[in-house]
Amino acid sequence: MLNSIARVAFTRLFTPLGRFLLRLGLTPDAVTVIGTLGVCAGALIGYPLGHLFWGTVVITFFVFGDMLDGIMARLIGRKSTWGAFLDSTLDRVADSAVFVGLALWYFLGADDPLTALLALGCLVTGSIVSYVRARAEGLGVHAEGGIAERADRLLVTLVVTGLVGLGVPDIALTIALAALVVACCVTIAQRVVAVYRQLRAQEEL
């Protein structure tokens, strides 16, 4: 839901930075890789050590790399199939790192297995959301949208995790992750239904 809203605002905000990075000689692919490595560092180092706020700050900073690479590609007029593949693949790596980092902390540090399991549940259901879209596109149909797209999942997770790092009770994150698991399941159902309708329509032609 947030993708279309955020894309316009962030494009205006980060276009000057994108131009600056291009002048430095950085490519969109390089920014994609750097952003993913930064997210992984914040999630897999900061979170397991219990630094939920500062880990979130690091992750949020590097998440912007996911927006910058697309802006930079448009600035130089390059539409790269490889770049799109790399970006999509590394998005899955970054998302996995965030939820694995949270699971590690709540399993080993905070001794809260329910929250840890819910973090893993978000990882699994979020991956299925992305897989449904990718598989649908491989079949020549579309499976976009839903109530829990990647931007929605990241926003909720990072905001609530950061607040917990500032002293909000852990139960807030437990509830947020549970809600995300449900929202992801709904999104999977929405996308599966959309694909079913499109494929049936094609068969009836």
N, C-alpha and C. Protein backbone atom coordinates (compact mmCIF):
# COMPACT_ATOMS: atom_id res chain seq x y z
N MET A 1 0.82 -1.21 0.00
CA MET A 1 0.00 0.00 0.00
C MET A 1 0.85 1.26 0.00
N LEU A 2 2.00 1.16 0.66
CA LEU A 2 2.84 2.35 0.78
C LEU A 2 3.72 2.58 -0.44
N ASN A 3 3.90 1.56 -1.28
CA ASN A 3 4.86 1.66 -2.38
C ASN A 3 4.57 2.85 -3.27
N SER A 4 3.32 2.98 -3.73
CA SER A 4 2.99 4.04 -4.67
C SER A 4 3.08 5.41 -4.03
N ILE A 5 2.72 5.50 -2.74
CA ILE A 5 2.79 6.79 -2.04
C ILE A 5 4.24 7.20 -1.82
N ALA A 6 5.03 6.24 -1.33
CA ALA A 6 6.41 6.56 -0.97
C ALA A 6 7.28 6.82 -2.19
N ARG A 7 7.00 6.14 -3.30
CA ARG A 7 7.88 6.23 -4.46
C ARG A 7 8.02 7.67 -4.96
N VAL A 8 6.89 8.38 -5.07
CA VAL A 8 6.93 9.75 -5.58
C VAL A 8 7.68 10.66 -4.62
N ALA A 9 7.36 10.56 -3.33
CA ALA A 9 7.98 11.43 -2.33
C ALA A 9 9.48 11.19 -2.24
N PHE A 10 9.90 9.92 -2.19
CA PHE A 10 11.31 9.62 -2.03
C PHE A 10 12.10 9.91 -3.31
N THR A 11 11.45 9.80 -4.46
CA THR A 11 12.15 10.15 -5.70
C THR A 11 12.54 11.62 -5.69
N ARG A 12 11.62 12.46 -5.28
CA ARG A 12 11.92 13.90 -5.21
C ARG A 12 13.01 14.18 -4.17
N LEU A 13 12.93 13.49 -3.05
CA LEU A 13 13.87 13.74 -1.95
C LEU A 13 15.28 13.28 -2.27
N PHE A 14 15.41 12.10 -2.93
CA PHE A 14 16.72 11.50 -3.09
C PHE A 14 17.34 11.67 -4.48
N THR A 15 16.64 12.33 -5.38
CA THR A 15 17.23 12.54 -6.71
C THR A 15 18.55 13.33 -6.64
N PRO A 16 18.65 14.41 -5.86
CA PRO A 16 19.95 15.11 -5.76
C PRO A 16 21.06 14.20 -5.24
N LEU A 17 20.77 13.36 -4.26
CA LEU A 17 21.79 12.44 -3.74
C LEU A 17 22.16 11.42 -4.80
N GLY A 18 21.19 10.95 -5.55
CA GLY A 18 21.48 10.01 -6.64
C GLY A 18 22.42 10.61 -7.65
N ARG A 19 22.19 11.87 -8.03
CA ARG A 19 23.09 12.55 -8.98
C ARG A 19 24.50 12.66 -8.41
N PHE A 20 24.58 12.96 -7.10
CA PHE A 20 25.88 13.10 -6.45
C PHE A 20 26.64 11.78 -6.46
N LEU A 21 25.97 10.70 -6.16
CA LEU A 21 26.63 9.38 -6.15
C LEU A 21 27.08 8.98 -7.55
N LEU A 22 26.30 9.33 -8.56
CA LEU A 22 26.71 9.03 -9.94
C LEU A 22 27.97 9.81 -10.30
N ARG A 23 28.06 11.06 -9.83
CA ARG A 23 29.26 11.86 -10.10
C ARG A 23 30.48 11.26 -9.41
N LEU A 24 30.25 10.58 -8.28
CA LEU A 24 31.36 9.93 -7.58
C LEU A 24 31.82 8.66 -8.28
N GLY A 25 31.04 8.21 -9.25
CA GLY A 25 31.40 7.01 -10.00
C GLY A 25 30.71 5.74 -9.54
N LEU A 26 29.80 5.87 -8.58
CA LEU A 26 29.07 4.69 -8.12
C LEU A 26 27.98 4.31 -9.13
N THR A 27 27.78 3.03 -9.31
CA THR A 27 26.73 2.54 -10.19
C THR A 27 25.50 2.14 -9.37
N PRO A 28 24.34 2.06 -10.00
CA PRO A 28 23.15 1.59 -9.26
C PRO A 28 23.36 0.21 -8.62
N ASP A 29 24.03 -0.70 -9.34
CA ASP A 29 24.27 -2.04 -8.78
C ASP A 29 25.15 -1.97 -7.54
N ALA A 30 26.14 -1.09 -7.56
CA ALA A 30 27.02 -0.95 -6.39
C ALA A 30 26.24 -0.44 -5.19
N VAL A 31 25.34 0.50 -5.42
CA VAL A 31 24.52 1.03 -4.33
C VAL A 31 23.60 -0.06 -3.79
N THR A 32 23.07 -0.91 -4.67
CA THR A 32 22.23 -2.02 -4.24
C THR A 32 23.00 -2.95 -3.29
N VAL A 33 24.22 -3.30 -3.68
CA VAL A 33 25.03 -4.21 -2.87
C VAL A 33 25.42 -3.56 -1.54
N ILE A 34 25.84 -2.31 -1.58
CA ILE A 34 26.23 -1.60 -0.36
C ILE A 34 25.05 -1.50 0.61
N GLY A 35 23.87 -1.17 0.06
CA GLY A 35 22.68 -1.06 0.90
C GLY A 35 22.35 -2.38 1.58
N THR A 36 22.44 -3.46 0.83
CA THR A 36 22.13 -4.78 1.40
C THR A 36 23.13 -5.16 2.49
N LEU A 37 24.40 -4.92 2.24
CA LEU A 37 25.42 -5.23 3.24
C LEU A 37 25.21 -4.43 4.52
N GLY A 38 24.80 -3.16 4.36
CA GLY A 38 24.54 -2.32 5.53
C GLY A 38 23.36 -2.82 6.33
N VAL A 39 22.29 -3.19 5.64
CA VAL A 39 21.12 -3.73 6.33
C VAL A 39 21.49 -5.02 7.07
N CYS A 40 22.23 -5.89 6.43
CA CYS A 40 22.64 -7.15 7.06
C CYS A 40 23.50 -6.90 8.29
N ALA A 41 24.39 -5.92 8.20
CA ALA A 41 25.24 -5.61 9.35
C ALA A 41 24.40 -5.12 10.54
N GLY A 42 23.49 -4.18 10.26
CA GLY A 42 22.65 -3.66 11.34
C GLY A 42 21.78 -4.73 11.96
N ALA A 43 21.25 -5.63 11.12
CA ALA A 43 20.32 -6.65 11.60
C ALA A 43 21.02 -7.82 12.28
N LEU A 44 22.13 -8.26 11.71
CA LEU A 44 22.78 -9.47 12.20
C LEU A 44 23.87 -9.21 13.25
N ILE A 45 24.21 -7.94 13.43
CA ILE A 45 25.14 -7.57 14.50
C ILE A 45 24.41 -6.81 15.60
N GLY A 46 23.69 -5.77 15.19
CA GLY A 46 23.00 -4.94 16.18
C GLY A 46 21.89 -5.67 16.92
N TYR A 47 20.98 -6.32 16.18
CA TYR A 47 19.84 -6.95 16.83
C TYR A 47 20.23 -8.10 17.77
N PRO A 48 21.07 -9.05 17.35
CA PRO A 48 21.42 -10.14 18.27
C PRO A 48 22.13 -9.68 19.54
N LEU A 49 22.74 -8.50 19.50
CA LEU A 49 23.39 -7.96 20.69
C LEU A 49 22.42 -7.15 21.56
N GLY A 50 21.17 -7.04 21.11
CA GLY A 50 20.18 -6.32 21.88
C GLY A 50 20.10 -4.84 21.59
N HIS A 51 20.84 -4.37 20.60
CA HIS A 51 20.83 -2.95 20.25
C HIS A 51 19.70 -2.70 19.24
N LEU A 52 18.47 -2.79 19.71
CA LEU A 52 17.33 -2.73 18.80
C LEU A 52 17.17 -1.33 18.19
N PHE A 53 17.42 -0.30 18.98
CA PHE A 53 17.26 1.06 18.43
C PHE A 53 18.35 1.38 17.42
N TRP A 54 19.62 1.21 17.83
CA TRP A 54 20.71 1.58 16.92
C TRP A 54 20.81 0.63 15.74
N GLY A 55 20.45 -0.62 15.95
CA GLY A 55 20.39 -1.52 14.81
C GLY A 55 19.37 -1.05 13.80
N THR A 56 18.23 -0.57 14.30
CA THR A 56 17.18 -0.05 13.41
C THR A 56 17.64 1.21 12.69
N VAL A 57 18.37 2.07 13.39
CA VAL A 57 18.89 3.29 12.75
C VAL A 57 19.80 2.92 11.58
N VAL A 58 20.70 1.97 11.80
CA VAL A 58 21.62 1.54 10.73
C VAL A 58 20.83 0.94 9.56
N ILE A 59 19.89 0.06 9.89
CA ILE A 59 19.10 -0.59 8.84
C ILE A 59 18.33 0.45 8.03
N THR A 60 17.68 1.37 8.73
CA THR A 60 16.88 2.39 8.04
C THR A 60 17.74 3.22 7.11
N PHE A 61 18.93 3.57 7.56
CA PHE A 61 19.84 4.36 6.72
C PHE A 61 20.15 3.62 5.42
N PHE A 62 20.45 2.35 5.53
CA PHE A 62 20.85 1.60 4.33
C PHE A 62 19.65 1.13 3.50
N VAL A 63 18.47 1.08 4.10
CA VAL A 63 17.28 0.74 3.32
C VAL A 63 17.05 1.77 2.21
N PHE A 64 17.48 3.00 2.47
CA PHE A 64 17.32 4.03 1.44
C PHE A 64 18.10 3.69 0.17
N GLY A 65 19.14 2.85 0.32
CA GLY A 65 19.88 2.40 -0.86
C GLY A 65 19.00 1.65 -1.83
N ASP A 66 17.97 1.01 -1.28
CA ASP A 66 17.04 0.27 -2.13
C ASP A 66 16.23 1.22 -3.00
N MET A 67 16.06 2.45 -2.55
CA MET A 67 15.35 3.45 -3.35
C MET A 67 16.31 4.18 -4.28
N LEU A 68 17.51 4.39 -3.78
CA LEU A 68 18.49 5.15 -4.55
C LEU A 68 18.90 4.46 -5.84
N ASP A 69 19.04 3.14 -5.81
CA ASP A 69 19.53 2.45 -7.00
C ASP A 69 18.57 2.64 -8.17
N GLY A 70 17.26 2.57 -7.89
CA GLY A 70 16.28 2.78 -8.95
C GLY A 70 16.29 4.20 -9.47
N ILE A 71 16.43 5.16 -8.56
CA ILE A 71 16.49 6.56 -8.96
C ILE A 71 17.72 6.80 -9.83
N MET A 72 18.86 6.24 -9.43
CA MET A 72 20.10 6.42 -10.20
C MET A 72 19.98 5.80 -11.59
N ALA A 73 19.34 4.62 -11.66
CA ALA A 73 19.18 3.96 -12.95
C ALA A 73 18.33 4.81 -13.89
N ARG A 74 17.29 5.43 -13.35
CA ARG A 74 16.44 6.29 -14.19
C ARG A 74 17.18 7.55 -14.61
N LEU A 75 18.04 8.08 -13.74
CA LEU A 75 18.79 9.29 -14.07
C LEU A 75 19.72 9.08 -15.26
N ILE A 76 20.29 7.87 -15.36
CA ILE A 76 21.22 7.61 -16.47
C ILE A 76 20.51 6.91 -17.63
N GLY A 77 19.18 6.78 -17.50
CA GLY A 77 18.41 6.20 -18.59
C GLY A 77 18.70 4.73 -18.84
N ARG A 78 19.02 4.00 -17.78
CA ARG A 78 19.36 2.59 -17.93
C ARG A 78 18.28 1.71 -17.33
N LYS A 79 17.70 0.87 -18.17
CA LYS A 79 16.73 -0.11 -17.70
C LYS A 79 17.37 -1.48 -17.85
N SER A 80 17.87 -2.00 -16.73
CA SER A 80 18.68 -3.22 -16.76
C SER A 80 17.91 -4.40 -16.17
N THR A 81 17.76 -5.44 -16.97
CA THR A 81 17.13 -6.66 -16.45
C THR A 81 17.97 -7.26 -15.34
N TRP A 82 19.30 -7.22 -15.52
CA TRP A 82 20.19 -7.72 -14.48
C TRP A 82 20.03 -6.91 -13.19
N GLY A 83 19.95 -5.59 -13.33
CA GLY A 83 19.79 -4.74 -12.16
C GLY A 83 18.51 -5.04 -11.40
N ALA A 84 17.43 -5.28 -12.15
CA ALA A 84 16.15 -5.61 -11.51
C ALA A 84 16.24 -6.96 -10.79
N PHE A 85 16.91 -7.92 -11.43
CA PHE A 85 17.09 -9.24 -10.81
C PHE A 85 17.93 -9.13 -9.54
N LEU A 86 19.03 -8.39 -9.62
CA LEU A 86 19.91 -8.23 -8.46
C LEU A 86 19.17 -7.54 -7.32
N ASP A 87 18.44 -6.49 -7.64
CA ASP A 87 17.71 -5.75 -6.62
C ASP A 87 16.68 -6.63 -5.92
N SER A 88 15.93 -7.39 -6.71
CA SER A 88 14.91 -8.26 -6.14
C SER A 88 15.52 -9.35 -5.27
N THR A 89 16.61 -9.92 -5.73
CA THR A 89 17.28 -10.99 -4.98
C THR A 89 17.83 -10.47 -3.65
N LEU A 90 18.50 -9.32 -3.70
CA LEU A 90 19.09 -8.78 -2.48
C LEU A 90 18.04 -8.22 -1.53
N ASP A 91 16.86 -7.84 -2.05
CA ASP A 91 15.76 -7.47 -1.16
C ASP A 91 15.40 -8.63 -0.25
N ARG A 92 15.38 -9.84 -0.83
CA ARG A 92 15.05 -11.01 -0.03
C ARG A 92 16.13 -11.27 1.02
N VAL A 93 17.39 -11.04 0.66
CA VAL A 93 18.50 -11.21 1.61
C VAL A 93 18.36 -10.23 2.76
N ALA A 94 18.08 -8.97 2.44
CA ALA A 94 17.96 -7.94 3.47
C ALA A 94 16.78 -8.22 4.40
N ASP A 95 15.63 -8.57 3.82
CA ASP A 95 14.46 -8.87 4.64
C ASP A 95 14.74 -10.05 5.57
N SER A 96 15.38 -11.08 5.04
CA SER A 96 15.70 -12.25 5.85
C SER A 96 16.61 -11.88 7.01
N ALA A 97 17.59 -11.01 6.74
CA ALA A 97 18.52 -10.60 7.80
C ALA A 97 17.79 -9.90 8.93
N VAL A 98 16.83 -9.04 8.60
CA VAL A 98 16.09 -8.30 9.63
C VAL A 98 15.36 -9.27 10.56
N PHE A 99 14.63 -10.21 10.00
CA PHE A 99 13.83 -11.10 10.83
C PHE A 99 14.67 -12.17 11.53
N VAL A 100 15.75 -12.60 10.89
CA VAL A 100 16.66 -13.54 11.56
C VAL A 100 17.34 -12.85 12.74
N GLY A 101 17.75 -11.60 12.54
CA GLY A 101 18.38 -10.85 13.63
C GLY A 101 17.45 -10.71 14.83
N LEU A 102 16.18 -10.39 14.56
CA LEU A 102 15.21 -10.29 15.65
C LEU A 102 15.00 -11.64 16.32
N ALA A 103 14.90 -12.71 15.52
CA ALA A 103 14.70 -14.04 16.08
C ALA A 103 15.87 -14.44 16.97
N LEU A 104 17.08 -14.13 16.55
CA LEU A 104 18.26 -14.47 17.35
C LEU A 104 18.22 -13.77 18.71
N TRP A 105 17.85 -12.49 18.70
CA TRP A 105 17.80 -11.76 19.96
C TRP A 105 16.73 -12.32 20.88
N TYR A 106 15.56 -12.58 20.34
CA TYR A 106 14.46 -13.01 21.21
C TYR A 106 14.57 -14.48 21.60
N PHE A 107 15.31 -15.27 20.84
CA PHE A 107 15.59 -16.64 21.26
C PHE A 107 16.70 -16.68 22.31
N LEU A 108 17.80 -15.97 22.04
CA LEU A 108 19.02 -16.12 22.83
C LEU A 108 19.24 -15.03 23.87
N GLY A 109 18.73 -13.83 23.60
CA GLY A 109 19.00 -12.72 24.50
C GLY A 109 17.83 -12.39 25.40
N ALA A 110 16.67 -12.15 24.81
CA ALA A 110 15.51 -11.73 25.58
C ALA A 110 14.71 -12.90 26.14
N ASP A 111 15.04 -14.12 25.73
CA ASP A 111 14.34 -15.32 26.20
C ASP A 111 12.82 -15.18 26.00
N ASP A 112 12.46 -14.85 24.76
CA ASP A 112 11.05 -14.65 24.40
C ASP A 112 10.77 -15.46 23.13
N PRO A 113 10.60 -16.78 23.26
CA PRO A 113 10.46 -17.62 22.07
C PRO A 113 9.25 -17.29 21.21
N LEU A 114 8.17 -16.77 21.80
CA LEU A 114 6.99 -16.44 21.00
C LEU A 114 7.31 -15.34 20.00
N THR A 115 7.95 -14.27 20.47
CA THR A 115 8.31 -13.18 19.56
C THR A 115 9.31 -13.66 18.52
N ALA A 116 10.24 -14.51 18.94
CA ALA A 116 11.22 -15.05 18.00
C ALA A 116 10.53 -15.87 16.91
N LEU A 117 9.58 -16.70 17.30
CA LEU A 117 8.86 -17.52 16.32
C LEU A 117 8.02 -16.66 15.39
N LEU A 118 7.44 -15.59 15.93
CA LEU A 118 6.67 -14.69 15.08
C LEU A 118 7.56 -13.98 14.07
N ALA A 119 8.79 -13.63 14.48
CA ALA A 119 9.74 -13.03 13.54
C ALA A 119 10.04 -14.00 12.40
N LEU A 120 10.24 -15.27 12.74
CA LEU A 120 10.47 -16.28 11.70
C LEU A 120 9.22 -16.47 10.85
N GLY A 121 8.04 -16.34 11.48
CA GLY A 121 6.80 -16.42 10.72
C GLY A 121 6.69 -15.31 9.71
N CYS A 122 7.12 -14.11 10.09
CA CYS A 122 7.14 -12.98 9.14
C CYS A 122 8.10 -13.26 8.00
N LEU A 123 9.24 -13.86 8.32
CA LEU A 123 10.22 -14.20 7.29
C LEU A 123 9.61 -15.16 6.28
N VAL A 124 8.98 -16.22 6.77
CA VAL A 124 8.42 -17.24 5.88
C VAL A 124 7.27 -16.69 5.05
N THR A 125 6.29 -16.06 5.71
CA THR A 125 5.12 -15.58 4.98
C THR A 125 5.49 -14.43 4.03
N GLY A 126 6.43 -13.57 4.45
CA GLY A 126 6.87 -12.50 3.57
C GLY A 126 7.56 -13.04 2.33
N SER A 127 8.33 -14.12 2.51
CA SER A 127 9.00 -14.74 1.36
C SER A 127 7.98 -15.34 0.39
N ILE A 128 6.90 -15.91 0.94
CA ILE A 128 5.87 -16.48 0.08
C ILE A 128 5.14 -15.38 -0.70
N VAL A 129 4.90 -14.25 -0.04
CA VAL A 129 4.29 -13.10 -0.74
C VAL A 129 5.12 -12.74 -1.97
N SER A 130 6.43 -12.65 -1.78
CA SER A 130 7.32 -12.29 -2.89
C SER A 130 7.37 -13.40 -3.94
N TYR A 131 7.37 -14.65 -3.48
CA TYR A 131 7.43 -15.77 -4.42
C TYR A 131 6.19 -15.82 -5.31
N VAL A 132 5.02 -15.59 -4.73
CA VAL A 132 3.79 -15.62 -5.51
C VAL A 132 3.86 -14.61 -6.65
N ARG A 133 4.35 -13.42 -6.34
CA ARG A 133 4.47 -12.41 -7.39
C ARG A 133 5.46 -12.85 -8.46
N ALA A 134 6.62 -13.35 -8.04
CA ALA A 134 7.64 -13.76 -9.01
C ALA A 134 7.14 -14.91 -9.88
N ARG A 135 6.47 -15.88 -9.26
CA ARG A 135 5.97 -17.03 -10.02
C ARG A 135 4.87 -16.60 -11.00
N ALA A 136 4.03 -15.68 -10.55
CA ALA A 136 2.97 -15.19 -11.43
C ALA A 136 3.55 -14.48 -12.65
N GLU A 137 4.56 -13.66 -12.42
CA GLU A 137 5.19 -12.96 -13.54
C GLU A 137 5.84 -13.94 -14.49
N GLY A 138 6.36 -15.06 -13.95
CA GLY A 138 6.93 -16.09 -14.81
C GLY A 138 5.87 -16.75 -15.68
N LEU A 139 4.62 -16.70 -15.25
CA LEU A 139 3.51 -17.27 -16.02
C LEU A 139 2.86 -16.23 -16.93
N GLY A 140 3.38 -15.01 -16.87
CA GLY A 140 2.86 -13.96 -17.75
C GLY A 140 1.65 -13.22 -17.20
N VAL A 141 1.41 -13.31 -15.89
CA VAL A 141 0.31 -12.57 -15.28
C VAL A 141 0.87 -11.72 -14.13
N HIS A 142 -0.01 -10.97 -13.48
CA HIS A 142 0.43 -10.05 -12.43
C HIS A 142 -0.13 -10.46 -11.08
N ALA A 143 0.68 -10.26 -10.05
CA ALA A 143 0.24 -10.55 -8.68
C ALA A 143 0.85 -9.50 -7.75
N GLU A 144 0.44 -8.26 -7.93
CA GLU A 144 0.97 -7.17 -7.13
C GLU A 144 -0.06 -6.73 -6.10
N GLY A 145 0.34 -5.81 -5.25
CA GLY A 145 -0.58 -5.24 -4.29
C GLY A 145 -0.81 -6.15 -3.09
N GLY A 146 -1.91 -5.89 -2.40
CA GLY A 146 -2.20 -6.60 -1.17
C GLY A 146 -1.98 -5.68 0.02
N ILE A 147 -2.38 -6.14 1.19
CA ILE A 147 -2.32 -5.28 2.37
C ILE A 147 -0.95 -5.29 3.04
N ALA A 148 -0.05 -6.19 2.61
CA ALA A 148 1.26 -6.27 3.27
C ALA A 148 2.36 -6.44 2.23
N GLU A 149 2.60 -5.37 1.46
CA GLU A 149 3.73 -5.39 0.54
C GLU A 149 5.02 -5.17 1.32
N ARG A 150 6.14 -5.27 0.62
CA ARG A 150 7.43 -5.21 1.31
C ARG A 150 7.60 -3.91 2.10
N ALA A 151 7.23 -2.79 1.51
CA ALA A 151 7.39 -1.51 2.20
C ALA A 151 6.57 -1.47 3.49
N ASP A 152 5.37 -2.02 3.45
CA ASP A 152 4.52 -2.05 4.64
C ASP A 152 5.17 -2.89 5.74
N ARG A 153 5.68 -4.06 5.35
CA ARG A 153 6.27 -4.96 6.34
C ARG A 153 7.50 -4.34 6.99
N LEU A 154 8.34 -3.74 6.16
CA LEU A 154 9.56 -3.12 6.70
C LEU A 154 9.23 -1.94 7.60
N LEU A 155 8.29 -1.10 7.17
CA LEU A 155 7.95 0.08 7.96
C LEU A 155 7.46 -0.30 9.34
N VAL A 156 6.52 -1.21 9.39
CA VAL A 156 5.97 -1.63 10.68
C VAL A 156 7.05 -2.26 11.56
N THR A 157 7.83 -3.15 10.97
CA THR A 157 8.86 -3.85 11.75
C THR A 157 9.91 -2.89 12.30
N LEU A 158 10.40 -2.00 11.46
CA LEU A 158 11.47 -1.11 11.90
C LEU A 158 10.98 -0.07 12.89
N VAL A 159 9.80 0.49 12.66
CA VAL A 159 9.28 1.50 13.60
C VAL A 159 9.05 0.89 14.97
N VAL A 160 8.38 -0.26 15.02
CA VAL A 160 8.07 -0.86 16.33
C VAL A 160 9.34 -1.37 17.00
N THR A 161 10.25 -1.96 16.22
CA THR A 161 11.52 -2.43 16.82
C THR A 161 12.31 -1.26 17.39
N GLY A 162 12.37 -0.16 16.66
CA GLY A 162 13.07 1.01 17.16
C GLY A 162 12.45 1.53 18.45
N LEU A 163 11.13 1.55 18.51
CA LEU A 163 10.44 2.01 19.72
C LEU A 163 10.72 1.09 20.90
N VAL A 164 10.74 -0.21 20.66
CA VAL A 164 11.08 -1.17 21.72
C VAL A 164 12.50 -0.92 22.21
N GLY A 165 13.39 -0.59 21.27
CA GLY A 165 14.76 -0.27 21.66
C GLY A 165 14.85 0.97 22.53
N LEU A 166 13.84 1.83 22.44
CA LEU A 166 13.80 3.05 23.26
C LEU A 166 13.05 2.86 24.57
N GLY A 167 12.53 1.65 24.80
CA GLY A 167 11.90 1.38 26.08
C GLY A 167 10.46 0.96 26.05
N VAL A 168 9.84 0.96 24.86
CA VAL A 168 8.47 0.47 24.77
C VAL A 168 8.48 -1.03 25.08
N PRO A 169 7.49 -1.55 25.79
CA PRO A 169 7.48 -2.98 26.15
C PRO A 169 7.57 -3.90 24.94
N ASP A 170 8.23 -5.03 25.11
CA ASP A 170 8.42 -5.99 24.03
C ASP A 170 7.11 -6.49 23.44
N ILE A 171 6.05 -6.47 24.25
CA ILE A 171 4.76 -6.96 23.78
C ILE A 171 4.28 -6.20 22.54
N ALA A 172 4.72 -4.95 22.41
CA ALA A 172 4.33 -4.16 21.23
C ALA A 172 4.87 -4.81 19.96
N LEU A 173 6.10 -5.29 20.01
CA LEU A 173 6.69 -5.95 18.84
C LEU A 173 6.04 -7.31 18.62
N THR A 174 5.73 -8.01 19.70
CA THR A 174 5.05 -9.30 19.57
C THR A 174 3.73 -9.14 18.83
N ILE A 175 2.96 -8.14 19.22
CA ILE A 175 1.67 -7.88 18.58
C ILE A 175 1.86 -7.46 17.13
N ALA A 176 2.85 -6.59 16.89
CA ALA A 176 3.09 -6.11 15.52
C ALA A 176 3.49 -7.25 14.60
N LEU A 177 4.36 -8.13 15.07
CA LEU A 177 4.79 -9.26 14.24
C LEU A 177 3.64 -10.23 13.99
N ALA A 178 2.81 -10.45 15.00
CA ALA A 178 1.65 -11.33 14.82
C ALA A 178 0.71 -10.74 13.78
N ALA A 179 0.50 -9.43 13.85
CA ALA A 179 -0.37 -8.77 12.87
C ALA A 179 0.21 -8.88 11.47
N LEU A 180 1.54 -8.79 11.35
CA LEU A 180 2.18 -8.90 10.05
C LEU A 180 2.04 -10.31 9.47
N VAL A 181 2.15 -11.32 10.32
CA VAL A 181 1.97 -12.69 9.83
C VAL A 181 0.57 -12.85 9.25
N VAL A 182 -0.43 -12.34 9.97
CA VAL A 182 -1.81 -12.42 9.47
C VAL A 182 -1.96 -11.63 8.18
N ALA A 183 -1.40 -10.41 8.15
CA ALA A 183 -1.50 -9.57 6.96
C ALA A 183 -0.82 -10.22 5.76
N CYS A 184 0.31 -10.88 6.00
CA CYS A 184 1.00 -11.57 4.90
C CYS A 184 0.15 -12.72 4.37
N CYS A 185 -0.50 -13.45 5.27
CA CYS A 185 -1.36 -14.55 4.84
C CYS A 185 -2.52 -14.03 4.00
N VAL A 186 -3.08 -12.90 4.41
CA VAL A 186 -4.15 -12.28 3.62
C VAL A 186 -3.63 -11.86 2.26
N THR A 187 -2.44 -11.28 2.23
CA THR A 187 -1.85 -10.83 0.97
C THR A 187 -1.58 -12.00 0.03
N ILE A 188 -1.09 -13.10 0.60
CA ILE A 188 -0.88 -14.31 -0.21
C ILE A 188 -2.19 -14.74 -0.85
N ALA A 189 -3.25 -14.77 -0.05
CA ALA A 189 -4.56 -15.17 -0.57
C ALA A 189 -5.03 -14.20 -1.65
N GLN A 190 -4.84 -12.90 -1.43
CA GLN A 190 -5.26 -11.91 -2.43
C GLN A 190 -4.53 -12.13 -3.75
N ARG A 191 -3.25 -12.39 -3.67
CA ARG A 191 -2.46 -12.56 -4.89
C ARG A 191 -2.78 -13.88 -5.60
N VAL A 192 -2.99 -14.93 -4.82
CA VAL A 192 -3.34 -16.21 -5.42
C VAL A 192 -4.68 -16.10 -6.16
N VAL A 193 -5.64 -15.44 -5.55
CA VAL A 193 -6.94 -15.25 -6.18
C VAL A 193 -6.80 -14.43 -7.47
N ALA A 194 -5.97 -13.38 -7.41
CA ALA A 194 -5.76 -12.55 -8.60
C ALA A 194 -5.15 -13.36 -9.74
N VAL A 195 -4.18 -14.21 -9.41
CA VAL A 195 -3.55 -15.06 -10.43
C VAL A 195 -4.57 -16.06 -10.98
N TYR A 196 -5.34 -16.66 -10.10
CA TYR A 196 -6.36 -17.64 -10.54
C TYR A 196 -7.32 -17.01 -11.53
N ARG A 197 -7.79 -15.81 -11.22
CA ARG A 197 -8.74 -15.15 -12.10
C ARG A 197 -8.13 -14.83 -13.47
N GLN A 198 -6.88 -14.37 -13.45
CA GLN A 198 -6.23 -14.04 -14.72
C GLN A 198 -5.99 -15.28 -15.57
N LEU A 199 -5.56 -16.37 -14.95
CA LEU A 199 -5.30 -17.60 -15.70
C LEU A 199 -6.59 -18.22 -16.22
N ARG A 200 -7.65 -18.15 -15.41
CA ARG A 200 -8.93 -18.66 -15.89
C ARG A 200 -9.45 -17.84 -17.07
N ALA A 201 -9.25 -16.52 -16.98
CA ALA A 201 -9.69 -15.64 -18.07
C ALA A 201 -8.93 -15.97 -19.36
N GLN A 202 -7.62 -16.26 -19.22
CA GLN A 202 -6.83 -16.62 -20.39
C GLN A 202 -7.30 -17.94 -21.00
N GLU A 203 -7.65 -18.90 -20.14
CA GLU A 203 -8.09 -20.20 -20.62
C GLU A 203 -9.43 -20.13 -21.35
N GLU A 204 -10.25 -19.14 -20.98
CA GLU A 204 -11.57 -19.01 -21.58
C GLU A 204 -11.56 -18.27 -22.91
N LEU A 205 -10.42 -17.66 -23.24
CA LEU A 205 -10.33 -16.93 -24.51
C LEU A 205 -10.31 -17.89 -25.69
